[in-house]
């Protein structure tokens, strides 16, 4: 069987099953023994600085809503305690029990 010409590009792409790719020769592979790999190399250093970097980039998204929520809750608690006290009831027009 002969090869065919690629109609789009006009070049020979090889016989059927051999699409222009010669068999590889002299392929070198390298590997590292599993007992020689350092799995946690730099993990402590990366963890400390990565946590700091992520905290620094996210702090302005997280802290202001919590500060506002804490201030609102603190104001509501103080206002509730005042309205349920003797001077608060007298000021707001309720009867004294």
PDB file of N, CA and C in Angstrom:
ATOM      1  N   UNK A   1       0.843  -1.171   0.000  1.00  0.00           N
ATOM      2  CA  UNK A   1       0.000   0.000   0.000  1.00  0.00           C
ATOM      3  C   UNK A   1       0.884   1.228   0.000  1.00  0.00           C
ATOM      4  N   UNK A   2       0.488   2.161  -0.730  1.00  0.00           N
ATOM      5  CA  UNK A   2       1.260   3.386  -0.802  1.00  0.00           C
ATOM      6  C   UNK A   2       0.703   4.447   0.121  1.00  0.00           C
ATOM      7  N   UNK A   3       1.502   5.455   0.335  1.00  0.00           N
ATOM      8  CA  UNK A   3       1.056   6.563   1.153  1.00  0.00           C
ATOM      9  C   UNK A   3       0.151   7.484   0.359  1.00  0.00           C
ATOM     10  N   UNK A   4      -0.430   8.397   1.044  1.00  0.00           N
ATOM     11  CA  UNK A   4      -1.320   9.335   0.371  1.00  0.00           C
ATOM     12  C   UNK A   4      -0.857  10.762   0.645  1.00  0.00           C
ATOM     13  N   UNK A   5      -1.333  11.644  -0.195  1.00  0.00           N
ATOM     14  CA  UNK A   5      -1.000  13.050  -0.030  1.00  0.00           C
ATOM     15  C   UNK A   5      -2.097  13.684   0.824  1.00  0.00           C
ATOM     16  N   UNK A   6      -1.675  14.444   1.787  1.00  0.00           N
ATOM     17  CA  UNK A   6      -2.633  15.158   2.627  1.00  0.00           C
ATOM     18  C   UNK A   6      -3.290  16.231   1.773  1.00  0.00           C
ATOM     19  N   UNK A   7      -4.638  16.181   1.576  1.00  0.00           N
ATOM     20  CA  UNK A   7      -5.268  17.146   0.679  1.00  0.00           C
ATOM     21  C   UNK A   7      -5.182  18.590   1.184  1.00  0.00           C
ATOM     22  N   UNK A   8      -5.090  18.778   2.454  1.00  0.00           N
ATOM     23  CA  UNK A   8      -5.058  20.141   2.981  1.00  0.00           C
ATOM     24  C   UNK A   8      -3.670  20.765   2.840  1.00  0.00           C
ATOM     25  N   UNK A   9      -2.653  20.038   3.266  1.00  0.00           N
ATOM     26  CA  UNK A   9      -1.299  20.581   3.281  1.00  0.00           C
ATOM     27  C   UNK A   9      -0.450  20.102   2.105  1.00  0.00           C
ATOM     28  N   UNK A  10      -0.817  18.988   1.474  1.00  0.00           N
ATOM     29  CA  UNK A  10      -0.107  18.502   0.318  1.00  0.00           C
ATOM     30  C   UNK A  10       1.187  17.792   0.612  1.00  0.00           C
ATOM     31  N   UNK A  11       1.333  17.168   1.764  1.00  0.00           N
ATOM     32  CA  UNK A  11       2.565  16.422   2.032  1.00  0.00           C
ATOM     33  C   UNK A  11       2.224  14.998   2.465  1.00  0.00           C
ATOM     34  N   UNK A  12       3.214  14.137   2.355  1.00  0.00           N
ATOM     35  CA  UNK A  12       3.050  12.715   2.628  1.00  0.00           C
ATOM     36  C   UNK A  12       2.950  12.504   4.135  1.00  0.00           C
ATOM     37  N   UNK A  13       1.888  11.795   4.576  1.00  0.00           N
ATOM     38  CA  UNK A  13       1.737  11.564   6.004  1.00  0.00           C
ATOM     39  C   UNK A  13       2.017  10.118   6.392  1.00  0.00           C
ATOM     40  N   UNK A  14       2.490   9.298   5.477  1.00  0.00           N
ATOM     41  CA  UNK A  14       2.870   7.938   5.810  1.00  0.00           C
ATOM     42  C   UNK A  14       1.818   6.919   5.413  1.00  0.00           C
ATOM     43  N   UNK A  15       2.201   5.631   5.503  1.00  0.00           N
ATOM     44  CA  UNK A  15       1.295   4.538   5.181  1.00  0.00           C
ATOM     45  C   UNK A  15       0.251   4.395   6.273  1.00  0.00           C
ATOM     46  N   UNK A  16      -0.759   3.560   5.977  1.00  0.00           N
ATOM     47  CA  UNK A  16      -1.809   3.318   6.946  1.00  0.00           C
ATOM     48  C   UNK A  16      -1.221   2.749   8.235  1.00  0.00           C
ATOM     49  N   UNK A  17      -1.509   3.400   9.361  1.00  0.00           N
ATOM     50  CA  UNK A  17      -0.988   2.961  10.643  1.00  0.00           C
ATOM     51  C   UNK A  17       0.373   3.529  10.971  1.00  0.00           C
ATOM     52  N   UNK A  18       1.034   4.178  10.023  1.00  0.00           N
ATOM     53  CA  UNK A  18       2.348   4.771  10.254  1.00  0.00           C
ATOM     54  C   UNK A  18       2.285   6.222   9.829  1.00  0.00           C
ATOM     55  N   UNK A  19       1.568   7.020  10.543  1.00  0.00           N
ATOM     56  CA  UNK A  19       1.312   8.386  10.120  1.00  0.00           C
ATOM     57  C   UNK A  19       2.531   9.284  10.287  1.00  0.00           C
ATOM     58  N   UNK A  20       3.545   9.046   9.499  1.00  0.00           N
ATOM     59  CA  UNK A  20       4.710   9.914   9.437  1.00  0.00           C
ATOM     60  C   UNK A  20       5.542   9.960  10.692  1.00  0.00           C
ATOM     61  N   UNK A  21       5.394   8.988  11.528  1.00  0.00           N
ATOM     62  CA  UNK A  21       6.127   8.993  12.792  1.00  0.00           C
ATOM     63  C   UNK A  21       7.066   7.791  12.823  1.00  0.00           C
ATOM     64  N   UNK A  22       8.355   8.009  12.646  1.00  0.00           N
ATOM     65  CA  UNK A  22       9.267   6.866  12.687  1.00  0.00           C
ATOM     66  C   UNK A  22       9.355   6.302  14.098  1.00  0.00           C
ATOM     67  N   UNK A  23       9.780   5.061  14.180  1.00  0.00           N
ATOM     68  CA  UNK A  23       9.894   4.448  15.498  1.00  0.00           C
ATOM     69  C   UNK A  23      11.009   5.143  16.285  1.00  0.00           C
ATOM     70  N   UNK A  24      10.743   5.453  17.539  1.00  0.00           N
ATOM     71  CA  UNK A  24      11.760   6.148  18.332  1.00  0.00           C
ATOM     72  C   UNK A  24      12.940   5.234  18.645  1.00  0.00           C
ATOM     73  N   UNK A  25      14.131   5.810  18.602  1.00  0.00           N
ATOM     74  CA  UNK A  25      15.336   5.057  18.932  1.00  0.00           C
ATOM     75  C   UNK A  25      16.155   5.856  19.925  1.00  0.00           C
ATOM     76  N   UNK A  26      16.843   5.160  20.764  1.00  0.00           N
ATOM     77  CA  UNK A  26      17.702   5.752  21.788  1.00  0.00           C
ATOM     78  C   UNK A  26      16.950   6.750  22.668  1.00  0.00           C
ATOM     79  N   UNK A  27      15.831   6.301  23.235  1.00  0.00           N
ATOM     80  CA  UNK A  27      15.071   7.136  24.161  1.00  0.00           C
ATOM     81  C   UNK A  27      15.631   6.902  25.556  1.00  0.00           C
ATOM     82  N   UNK A  28      16.098   7.962  26.180  1.00  0.00           N
ATOM     83  CA  UNK A  28      16.667   7.852  27.525  1.00  0.00           C
ATOM     84  C   UNK A  28      15.603   8.206  28.547  1.00  0.00           C
ATOM     85  N   UNK A  29      15.441   7.360  29.548  1.00  0.00           N
ATOM     86  CA  UNK A  29      14.515   7.657  30.639  1.00  0.00           C
ATOM     87  C   UNK A  29      15.313   7.708  31.929  1.00  0.00           C
ATOM     88  N   UNK A  30      14.927   8.608  32.796  1.00  0.00           N
ATOM     89  CA  UNK A  30      15.591   8.778  34.083  1.00  0.00           C
ATOM     90  C   UNK A  30      14.540   8.673  35.176  1.00  0.00           C
ATOM     91  N   UNK A  31      14.921   8.110  36.274  1.00  0.00           N
ATOM     92  CA  UNK A  31      13.993   8.024  37.393  1.00  0.00           C
ATOM     93  C   UNK A  31      14.775   8.127  38.685  1.00  0.00           C
ATOM     94  N   UNK A  32      14.054   8.426  39.730  1.00  0.00           N
ATOM     95  CA  UNK A  32      14.653   8.558  41.048  1.00  0.00           C
ATOM     96  C   UNK A  32      14.018   7.510  41.942  1.00  0.00           C
ATOM     97  N   UNK A  33      14.847   6.827  42.675  1.00  0.00           N
ATOM     98  CA  UNK A  33      14.351   5.787  43.558  1.00  0.00           C
ATOM     99  C   UNK A  33      13.406   6.394  44.594  1.00  0.00           C
ATOM    100  N   UNK A  34      12.293   5.710  44.928  1.00  0.00           N
ATOM    101  CA  UNK A  34      11.346   6.267  45.893  1.00  0.00           C
ATOM    102  C   UNK A  34      11.960   6.554  47.263  1.00  0.00           C
ATOM    103  N   UNK A  35      12.959   5.784  47.667  1.00  0.00           N
ATOM    104  CA  UNK A  35      13.560   6.038  48.970  1.00  0.00           C
ATOM    105  C   UNK A  35      14.580   7.176  48.934  1.00  0.00           C
ATOM    106  N   UNK A  36      14.817   7.765  47.769  1.00  0.00           N
ATOM    107  CA  UNK A  36      15.719   8.906  47.669  1.00  0.00           C
ATOM    108  C   UNK A  36      14.973  10.218  47.497  1.00  0.00           C
ATOM    109  N   UNK A  37      13.670  10.149  47.303  1.00  0.00           N
ATOM    110  CA  UNK A  37      12.902  11.362  47.121  1.00  0.00           C
ATOM    111  C   UNK A  37      12.632  12.021  48.465  1.00  0.00           C
ATOM    112  N   UNK A  38      12.643  13.339  48.468  1.00  0.00           N
ATOM    113  CA  UNK A  38      12.329  14.093  49.679  1.00  0.00           C
ATOM    114  C   UNK A  38      10.904  14.621  49.524  1.00  0.00           C
ATOM    115  N   UNK A  39       9.963  13.890  50.069  1.00  0.00           N
ATOM    116  CA  UNK A  39       8.557  14.199  49.875  1.00  0.00           C
ATOM    117  C   UNK A  39       8.186  15.535  50.522  1.00  0.00           C
ATOM    118  N   UNK A  40       8.669  15.790  51.727  1.00  0.00           N
ATOM    119  CA  UNK A  40       8.320  17.007  52.450  1.00  0.00           C
ATOM    120  C   UNK A  40       9.421  18.054  52.396  1.00  0.00           C
ATOM    121  N   UNK A  41      10.211  18.053  51.329  1.00  0.00           N
ATOM    122  CA  UNK A  41      11.283  19.034  51.203  1.00  0.00           C
ATOM    123  C   UNK A  41      10.675  20.427  51.077  1.00  0.00           C
ATOM    124  N   UNK A  42      10.980  21.295  52.008  1.00  0.00           N
ATOM    125  CA  UNK A  42      10.500  22.668  51.974  1.00  0.00           C
ATOM    126  C   UNK A  42       9.047  22.836  52.364  1.00  0.00           C
ATOM    127  N   UNK A  43       8.403  21.799  52.874  1.00  0.00           N
ATOM    128  CA  UNK A  43       6.976  21.894  53.206  1.00  0.00           C
ATOM    129  C   UNK A  43       6.740  22.860  54.363  1.00  0.00           C
ATOM    130  N   UNK A  44       7.583  22.828  55.381  1.00  0.00           N
ATOM    131  CA  UNK A  44       7.412  23.732  56.518  1.00  0.00           C
ATOM    132  C   UNK A  44       7.611  25.179  56.118  1.00  0.00           C
ATOM    133  N   UNK A  45       8.648  25.440  55.364  1.00  0.00           N
ATOM    134  CA  UNK A  45       8.928  26.801  54.898  1.00  0.00           C
ATOM    135  C   UNK A  45       7.806  27.309  54.008  1.00  0.00           C
ATOM    136  N   UNK A  46       7.362  26.474  53.078  1.00  0.00           N
ATOM    137  CA  UNK A  46       6.286  26.876  52.168  1.00  0.00           C
ATOM    138  C   UNK A  46       4.980  27.067  52.924  1.00  0.00           C
ATOM    139  N   UNK A  47       4.721  26.241  53.921  1.00  0.00           N
ATOM    140  CA  UNK A  47       3.471  26.352  54.669  1.00  0.00           C
ATOM    141  C   UNK A  47       3.418  27.665  55.434  1.00  0.00           C
ATOM    142  N   UNK A  48       4.504  28.026  56.077  1.00  0.00           N
ATOM    143  CA  UNK A  48       4.519  29.271  56.864  1.00  0.00           C
ATOM    144  C   UNK A  48       4.320  30.474  55.956  1.00  0.00           C
ATOM    145  N   UNK A  49       5.090  30.569  54.899  1.00  0.00           N
ATOM    146  CA  UNK A  49       5.010  31.740  54.045  1.00  0.00           C
ATOM    147  C   UNK A  49       3.748  31.743  53.186  1.00  0.00           C
ATOM    148  N   UNK A  50       3.233  30.562  52.827  1.00  0.00           N
ATOM    149  CA  UNK A  50       2.001  30.505  52.053  1.00  0.00           C
ATOM    150  C   UNK A  50       0.817  30.940  52.915  1.00  0.00           C
ATOM    151  N   UNK A  51       0.801  30.523  54.178  1.00  0.00           N
ATOM    152  CA  UNK A  51      -0.271  30.947  55.077  1.00  0.00           C
ATOM    153  C   UNK A  51      -0.217  32.458  55.264  1.00  0.00           C
ATOM    154  N   UNK A  52       0.965  33.012  55.457  1.00  0.00           N
ATOM    155  CA  UNK A  52       1.103  34.455  55.619  1.00  0.00           C
ATOM    156  C   UNK A  52       0.642  35.193  54.357  1.00  0.00           C
ATOM    157  N   UNK A  53       1.025  34.702  53.188  1.00  0.00           N
ATOM    158  CA  UNK A  53       0.639  35.342  51.935  1.00  0.00           C
ATOM    159  C   UNK A  53      -0.869  35.291  51.738  1.00  0.00           C
ATOM    160  N   UNK A  54      -1.474  34.141  51.994  1.00  0.00           N
ATOM    161  CA  UNK A  54      -2.920  34.021  51.829  1.00  0.00           C
ATOM    162  C   UNK A  54      -3.666  34.880  52.838  1.00  0.00           C
ATOM    163  N   UNK A  55      -3.181  34.934  54.063  1.00  0.00           N
ATOM    164  CA  UNK A  55      -3.811  35.776  55.084  1.00  0.00           C
ATOM    165  C   UNK A  55      -3.739  37.242  54.681  1.00  0.00           C
ATOM    166  N   UNK A  56      -2.587  37.669  54.202  1.00  0.00           N
ATOM    167  CA  UNK A  56      -2.393  39.063  53.819  1.00  0.00           C
ATOM    168  C   UNK A  56      -3.320  39.459  52.672  1.00  0.00           C
ATOM    169  N   UNK A  57      -3.547  38.532  51.744  1.00  0.00           N
ATOM    170  CA  UNK A  57      -4.392  38.858  50.601  1.00  0.00           C
ATOM    171  C   UNK A  57      -5.883  38.773  50.924  1.00  0.00           C
ATOM    172  N   UNK A  58      -6.276  38.048  51.972  1.00  0.00           N
ATOM    173  CA  UNK A  58      -7.692  37.855  52.276  1.00  0.00           C
ATOM    174  C   UNK A  58      -8.178  38.660  53.476  1.00  0.00           C
ATOM    175  N   UNK A  59      -7.277  39.269  54.228  1.00  0.00           N
ATOM    176  CA  UNK A  59      -7.670  39.907  55.481  1.00  0.00           C
ATOM    177  C   UNK A  59      -8.643  41.059  55.249  1.00  0.00           C
ATOM    178  N   UNK A  60      -8.492  41.806  54.183  1.00  0.00           N
ATOM    179  CA  UNK A  60      -9.395  42.939  53.942  1.00  0.00           C
ATOM    180  C   UNK A  60     -10.784  42.499  53.466  1.00  0.00           C
ATOM    181  N   UNK A  61     -10.925  41.258  53.064  1.00  0.00           N
ATOM    182  CA  UNK A  61     -12.236  40.745  52.692  1.00  0.00           C
ATOM    183  C   UNK A  61     -12.973  40.157  53.895  1.00  0.00           C
ATOM    184  N   UNK A  62     -12.235  39.715  54.904  1.00  0.00           N
ATOM    185  CA  UNK A  62     -12.827  38.987  56.020  1.00  0.00           C
ATOM    186  C   UNK A  62     -13.016  39.871  57.243  1.00  0.00           C
ATOM    187  N   UNK A  63     -12.029  40.670  57.599  1.00  0.00           N
ATOM    188  CA  UNK A  63     -12.054  41.412  58.859  1.00  0.00           C
ATOM    189  C   UNK A  63     -13.124  42.505  58.897  1.00  0.00           C
ATOM    190  N   UNK A  64     -13.265  43.380  57.900  1.00  0.00           N
ATOM    191  CA  UNK A  64     -14.275  44.444  58.018  1.00  0.00           C
ATOM    192  C   UNK A  64     -15.702  43.955  58.259  1.00  0.00           C
ATOM    193  N   UNK A  65     -16.203  42.913  57.580  1.00  0.00           N
ATOM    194  CA  UNK A  65     -17.554  42.445  57.922  1.00  0.00           C
ATOM    195  C   UNK A  65     -17.669  41.953  59.365  1.00  0.00           C
ATOM    196  N   UNK A  66     -16.625  41.306  59.875  1.00  0.00           N
ATOM    197  CA  UNK A  66     -16.665  40.847  61.253  1.00  0.00           C
ATOM    198  C   UNK A  66     -16.641  42.013  62.229  1.00  0.00           C
ATOM    199  N   UNK A  67     -15.876  43.049  61.924  1.00  0.00           N
ATOM    200  CA  UNK A  67     -15.835  44.232  62.785  1.00  0.00           C
ATOM    201  C   UNK A  67     -17.202  44.910  62.799  1.00  0.00           C
ATOM    202  N   UNK A  68     -17.823  45.064  61.637  1.00  0.00           N
ATOM    203  CA  UNK A  68     -19.152  45.684  61.565  1.00  0.00           C
ATOM    204  C   UNK A  68     -20.173  44.835  62.313  1.00  0.00           C
ATOM    205  N   UNK A  69     -20.141  43.531  62.129  1.00  0.00           N
ATOM    206  CA  UNK A  69     -21.086  42.644  62.811  1.00  0.00           C
ATOM    207  C   UNK A  69     -20.880  42.691  64.320  1.00  0.00           C
ATOM    208  N   UNK A  70     -19.627  42.728  64.773  1.00  0.00           N
ATOM    209  CA  UNK A  70     -19.358  42.797  66.209  1.00  0.00           C
ATOM    210  C   UNK A  70     -19.858  44.124  66.784  1.00  0.00           C
ATOM    211  N   UNK A  71     -19.614  45.232  66.066  1.00  0.00           N
ATOM    212  CA  UNK A  71     -20.070  46.537  66.546  1.00  0.00           C
ATOM    213  C   UNK A  71     -21.592  46.587  66.613  1.00  0.00           C
ATOM    214  N   UNK A  72     -22.281  46.064  65.595  1.00  0.00           N
ATOM    215  CA  UNK A  72     -23.744  46.057  65.601  1.00  0.00           C
ATOM    216  C   UNK A  72     -24.287  45.194  66.727  1.00  0.00           C
ATOM    217  N   UNK A  73     -23.682  44.046  66.942  1.00  0.00           N
ATOM    218  CA  UNK A  73     -24.142  43.155  68.011  1.00  0.00           C
ATOM    219  C   UNK A  73     -23.894  43.772  69.374  1.00  0.00           C
ATOM    220  N   UNK A  74     -22.740  44.408  69.543  1.00  0.00           N
ATOM    221  CA  UNK A  74     -22.427  45.057  70.815  1.00  0.00           C
ATOM    222  C   UNK A  74     -23.406  46.203  71.088  1.00  0.00           C
ATOM    223  N   UNK A  75     -23.724  47.002  70.053  1.00  0.00           N
ATOM    224  CA  UNK A  75     -24.685  48.084  70.216  1.00  0.00           C
ATOM    225  C   UNK A  75     -26.062  47.532  70.586  1.00  0.00           C
ATOM    226  N   UNK A  76     -26.489  46.436  69.935  1.00  0.00           N
ATOM    227  CA  UNK A  76     -27.804  45.854  70.205  1.00  0.00           C
ATOM    228  C   UNK A  76     -27.886  45.311  71.624  1.00  0.00           C
ATOM    229  N   UNK A  77     -26.827  44.682  72.097  1.00  0.00           N
ATOM    230  CA  UNK A  77     -26.825  44.136  73.459  1.00  0.00           C
ATOM    231  C   UNK A  77     -26.892  45.271  74.476  1.00  0.00           C
ATOM    232  N   UNK A  78     -26.084  46.324  74.281  1.00  0.00           N
ATOM    233  CA  UNK A  78     -26.097  47.456  75.218  1.00  0.00           C
ATOM    234  C   UNK A  78     -27.455  48.163  75.191  1.00  0.00           C
ATOM    235  N   UNK A  79     -28.045  48.336  73.995  1.00  0.00           N
ATOM    236  CA  UNK A  79     -29.347  48.993  73.886  1.00  0.00           C
ATOM    237  C   UNK A  79     -30.423  48.159  74.567  1.00  0.00           C
ATOM    238  N   UNK A  80     -30.379  46.842  74.389  1.00  0.00           N
ATOM    239  CA  UNK A  80     -31.348  45.952  75.034  1.00  0.00           C
ATOM    240  C   UNK A  80     -31.227  46.024  76.552  1.00  0.00           C
ATOM    241  N   UNK A  81     -30.000  46.002  77.053  1.00  0.00           N
ATOM    242  CA  UNK A  81     -29.810  46.090  78.504  1.00  0.00           C
ATOM    243  C   UNK A  81     -30.304  47.432  79.035  1.00  0.00           C
ATOM    244  N   UNK A  82     -30.076  48.525  78.281  1.00  0.00           N
ATOM    245  CA  UNK A  82     -30.534  49.843  78.717  1.00  0.00           C
ATOM    246  C   UNK A  82     -32.061  49.910  78.713  1.00  0.00           C
ATOM    247  N   UNK A  83     -32.702  49.420  77.652  1.00  0.00           N
ATOM    248  CA  UNK A  83     -34.158  49.490  77.577  1.00  0.00           C
ATOM    249  C   UNK A  83     -34.834  48.610  78.620  1.00  0.00           C
ATOM    250  N   UNK A  84     -34.164  47.594  79.078  1.00  0.00           N
ATOM    251  CA  UNK A  84     -34.736  46.731  80.120  1.00  0.00           C
ATOM    252  C   UNK A  84     -34.306  47.157  81.516  1.00  0.00           C
ATOM    253  N   UNK A  85     -33.629  48.279  81.631  1.00  0.00           N
ATOM    254  CA  UNK A  85     -33.250  48.795  82.952  1.00  0.00           C
ATOM    255  C   UNK A  85     -34.287  49.819  83.400  1.00  0.00           C
ATOM    256  N   UNK A  86     -34.211  50.216  84.670  1.00  0.00           N
ATOM    257  CA  UNK A  86     -35.156  51.176  85.226  1.00  0.00           C
ATOM    258  C   UNK A  86     -35.096  52.527  84.506  1.00  0.00           C
ATOM    259  N   UNK A  87     -33.907  53.151  84.291  1.00  0.00           N
ATOM    260  CA  UNK A  87     -33.893  54.435  83.590  1.00  0.00           C
ATOM    261  C   UNK A  87     -34.355  54.323  82.136  1.00  0.00           C
ATOM    262  N   UNK A  88     -34.076  53.242  81.489  1.00  0.00           N
ATOM    263  CA  UNK A  88     -34.500  53.063  80.109  1.00  0.00           C
ATOM    264  C   UNK A  88     -35.997  52.952  79.983  1.00  0.00           C
ATOM    265  N   UNK A  89     -36.642  52.252  80.892  1.00  0.00           N
ATOM    266  CA  UNK A  89     -38.102  52.134  80.865  1.00  0.00           C
ATOM    267  C   UNK A  89     -38.765  53.470  81.158  1.00  0.00           C
ATOM    268  N   UNK A  90     -38.190  54.228  82.080  1.00  0.00           N
ATOM    269  CA  UNK A  90     -38.777  55.543  82.392  1.00  0.00           C
ATOM    270  C   UNK A  90     -38.609  56.498  81.213  1.00  0.00           C
ATOM    271  N   UNK A  91     -37.465  56.469  80.535  1.00  0.00           N
ATOM    272  CA  UNK A  91     -37.216  57.364  79.414  1.00  0.00           C
ATOM    273  C   UNK A  91     -38.103  57.034  78.214  1.00  0.00           C
ATOM    274  N   UNK A  92     -38.321  55.772  77.955  1.00  0.00           N
ATOM    275  CA  UNK A  92     -39.116  55.355  76.799  1.00  0.00           C
ATOM    276  C   UNK A  92     -40.620  55.392  77.067  1.00  0.00           C
ATOM    277  N   UNK A  93     -41.049  55.752  78.258  1.00  0.00           N
ATOM    278  CA  UNK A  93     -42.466  55.943  78.528  1.00  0.00           C
ATOM    279  C   UNK A  93     -43.193  54.720  79.054  1.00  0.00           C
ATOM    280  N   UNK A  94     -42.508  53.706  79.409  1.00  0.00           N
ATOM    281  CA  UNK A  94     -43.180  52.551  79.974  1.00  0.00           C
ATOM    282  C   UNK A  94     -43.474  52.752  81.444  1.00  0.00           C
ATOM    283  N   UNK A  95     -44.336  51.896  81.984  1.00  0.00           N
ATOM    284  CA  UNK A  95     -44.633  51.995  83.412  1.00  0.00           C
ATOM    285  C   UNK A  95     -43.572  51.294  84.210  1.00  0.00           C
ATOM    286  N   UNK A  96     -43.382  51.762  85.442  1.00  0.00           N
ATOM    287  CA  UNK A  96     -42.433  51.125  86.340  1.00  0.00           C
ATOM    288  C   UNK A  96     -43.179  50.053  87.117  1.00  0.00           C
ATOM    289  N   UNK A  97     -42.592  48.918  87.247  1.00  0.00           N
ATOM    290  CA  UNK A  97     -43.261  47.825  87.967  1.00  0.00           C
ATOM    291  C   UNK A  97     -42.919  47.824  89.416  1.00  0.00           C
TER     292      UNK A  97
END
